[in-house]
């Protein structure tokens, strides 16, 4: 008997710019696709399949914060959000089961400080939450780019 599984994963990386020049690119960092019934993440996707259209599943923005608590599938917000409504600069389908969102935060939009968490929103609902590890410290004159990739991988087991 064959059965199939679908895995939904996310990862992101950030690039730090100073005076327009790349000064650091982080390694790829895994994130958590939320699964609670708040509704967030996978719950919203499953509701849409049932025809329940109360909440949108289109990723619309990102947010960043200073909280350092480990993500849990039941999260409904960042722990200590500092900047929300970060617009999508670009979005693309990179492969059949992979999409990428790019967010850009310029120096004037984000206060200097240390940032530990990032999340994606689908309308007003938090869709993903991750710790930025290693965290980054933003200084005057620095801009940031976040590349956020979500992959859907089907597997078939015999």
Protein backbone atom coordinates (compact mmCIF):
# COMPACT_ATOMS: atom_id res chain seq x y z
CA UNK A 1 0.00 0.00 0.00
CA UNK A 2 1.36 3.40 -0.96
CA UNK A 3 0.85 6.50 1.08
CA UNK A 4 1.95 10.01 0.38
CA UNK A 5 3.09 12.74 2.70
CA UNK A 6 3.49 16.43 2.16
CA UNK A 7 6.15 18.35 4.01
CA UNK A 8 5.94 22.14 4.18
CA UNK A 9 9.22 23.75 5.24
CA UNK A 10 10.65 27.21 5.34
CA UNK A 11 14.06 28.77 5.55
CA UNK A 12 15.51 32.26 5.30
CA UNK A 13 18.75 34.12 5.20
CA UNK A 14 19.62 37.77 5.58
CA UNK A 15 22.11 40.02 3.89
CA UNK A 16 23.52 43.05 5.67
CA UNK A 17 24.53 46.10 3.61
CA UNK A 18 26.55 49.08 4.75
CA UNK A 19 26.66 52.10 2.45
CA UNK A 20 25.24 49.93 -0.33
CA UNK A 21 27.91 47.20 -0.06
CA UNK A 22 27.32 43.64 1.16
CA UNK A 23 29.09 43.15 4.49
CA UNK A 24 27.51 39.86 5.63
CA UNK A 25 25.32 37.05 4.30
CA UNK A 26 23.94 34.65 6.92
CA UNK A 27 23.69 30.92 6.42
CA UNK A 28 20.21 29.57 5.63
CA UNK A 29 18.14 29.38 8.83
CA UNK A 30 15.20 26.97 9.24
CA UNK A 31 11.83 28.39 10.29
CA UNK A 32 8.59 27.01 11.66
CA UNK A 33 5.36 26.91 9.65
CA UNK A 34 2.69 27.46 12.31
CA UNK A 35 -0.03 24.84 12.79
CA UNK A 36 -2.40 26.05 15.47
CA UNK A 37 -6.10 26.83 15.17
CA UNK A 38 -5.76 30.53 16.06
CA UNK A 39 -5.96 30.52 12.86
CA UNK A 40 -2.41 30.52 11.57
CA UNK A 41 -0.23 28.71 9.05
CA UNK A 42 -1.42 25.27 8.03
CA UNK A 43 -4.80 25.72 9.70
CA UNK A 44 -5.62 28.54 7.27
CA UNK A 45 -4.54 26.44 4.26
CA UNK A 46 -6.76 23.53 5.35
CA UNK A 47 -9.71 25.86 5.98
CA UNK A 48 -9.36 27.26 2.45
CA UNK A 49 -9.53 23.68 1.10
CA UNK A 50 -12.84 23.34 2.94
CA UNK A 51 -14.10 26.55 1.36
CA UNK A 52 -13.75 28.56 4.55
CA UNK A 53 -12.38 31.82 3.18
CA UNK A 54 -12.33 33.91 6.35
CA UNK A 55 -8.55 34.27 6.24
CA UNK A 56 -6.23 34.80 3.32
CA UNK A 57 -3.29 32.49 2.60
CA UNK A 58 -1.36 34.95 0.44
CA UNK A 59 1.85 36.02 2.14
CA UNK A 60 1.56 39.80 2.36
CA UNK A 61 4.30 41.10 4.68
CA UNK A 62 7.03 40.30 7.19
CA UNK A 63 7.79 41.51 10.67
CA UNK A 64 10.87 41.53 12.85
CA UNK A 65 11.37 41.61 16.59
CA UNK A 66 13.66 41.22 19.57
CA UNK A 67 12.09 38.19 21.27
CA UNK A 68 14.34 35.19 21.83
CA UNK A 69 11.83 32.53 22.90
CA UNK A 70 11.99 29.41 20.73
CA UNK A 71 9.18 29.22 18.16
CA UNK A 72 6.27 26.86 18.84
CA UNK A 73 3.65 25.65 16.36
CA UNK A 74 1.00 27.37 18.50
CA UNK A 75 2.51 30.87 18.19
CA UNK A 76 0.16 33.59 16.96
CA UNK A 77 2.58 36.53 17.05
CA UNK A 78 6.21 37.42 17.49
CA UNK A 79 7.26 37.63 21.13
CA UNK A 80 8.51 41.23 20.89
CA UNK A 81 7.63 42.68 17.50
CA UNK A 82 9.45 45.91 16.62
CA UNK A 83 8.60 46.47 12.95
CA UNK A 84 5.64 45.04 11.07
CA UNK A 85 4.15 45.56 7.64
CA UNK A 86 7.48 45.04 5.89
CA UNK A 87 6.36 44.85 2.25
CA UNK A 88 7.42 42.17 -0.20
CA UNK A 89 10.06 43.50 -2.62
CA UNK A 90 9.82 40.49 -4.95
CA UNK A 91 8.16 37.08 -4.99
CA UNK A 92 8.85 34.14 -7.27
CA UNK A 93 8.27 30.46 -7.90
CA UNK A 94 11.73 28.92 -8.00
CA UNK A 95 10.66 25.33 -8.69
CA UNK A 96 7.42 23.34 -8.80
CA UNK A 97 7.28 23.14 -5.01
CA UNK A 98 9.26 26.21 -3.97
CA UNK A 99 8.46 29.90 -3.60
CA UNK A 100 10.67 32.76 -2.40
CA UNK A 101 9.81 36.14 -0.95
CA UNK A 102 12.37 38.94 -0.67
CA UNK A 103 11.97 41.72 1.89
CA UNK A 104 14.15 44.81 2.14
CA UNK A 105 14.49 46.96 5.26
CA UNK A 106 16.34 50.22 4.85
CA UNK A 107 18.31 51.97 7.55
CA UNK A 108 15.64 54.58 8.33
CA UNK A 109 12.85 51.99 8.80
CA UNK A 110 14.50 49.94 11.52
CA UNK A 111 15.96 51.29 14.75
CA UNK A 112 19.50 50.35 15.71
CA UNK A 113 19.50 47.31 17.99
CA UNK A 114 19.70 43.52 18.17
CA UNK A 115 17.03 41.45 16.42
CA UNK A 116 16.24 37.81 17.16
CA UNK A 117 12.97 36.87 15.44
CA UNK A 118 11.20 37.18 12.11
CA UNK A 119 7.80 36.12 10.85
CA UNK A 120 5.68 36.15 7.71
CA UNK A 121 2.07 37.29 7.65
CA UNK A 122 -0.79 36.16 5.47
CA UNK A 123 -3.01 39.21 5.83
CA UNK A 124 -3.45 39.66 9.59
CA UNK A 125 -2.47 36.07 10.45
CA UNK A 126 1.05 35.00 11.38
CA UNK A 127 2.11 32.19 9.00
CA UNK A 128 5.70 31.49 10.06
CA UNK A 129 7.98 32.38 12.95
CA UNK A 130 11.71 31.84 13.31
CA UNK A 131 14.60 32.85 15.48
CA UNK A 132 17.33 34.74 13.68
CA UNK A 133 20.35 32.65 14.63
CA UNK A 134 22.81 34.14 14.85
CA UNK A 135 20.88 37.27 15.78
CA UNK A 136 21.97 40.45 14.13
CA UNK A 137 22.78 43.85 15.46
CA UNK A 138 21.69 46.71 13.24
CA UNK A 139 23.85 49.82 13.30
CA UNK A 140 23.40 53.24 11.69
CA UNK A 141 23.81 53.14 7.93
CA UNK A 142 22.88 49.47 7.56
CA UNK A 143 20.15 48.02 5.34
CA UNK A 144 18.92 44.43 5.35
CA UNK A 145 17.51 42.01 2.83
CA UNK A 146 15.68 38.85 3.90
CA UNK A 147 15.18 35.99 1.41
CA UNK A 148 12.44 33.67 2.70
CA UNK A 149 11.82 30.34 0.92
CA UNK A 150 8.90 27.97 1.50
CA UNK A 151 9.15 24.47 0.05
CA UNK A 152 6.39 21.88 -0.34
CA UNK A 153 7.87 18.41 -0.78
CA UNK A 154 5.64 15.42 -1.51
CA UNK A 155 6.99 11.97 -0.67
CA UNK A 156 5.50 8.59 -1.49
CA UNK A 157 6.12 5.62 0.77
CA UNK A 158 5.43 2.01 -0.13
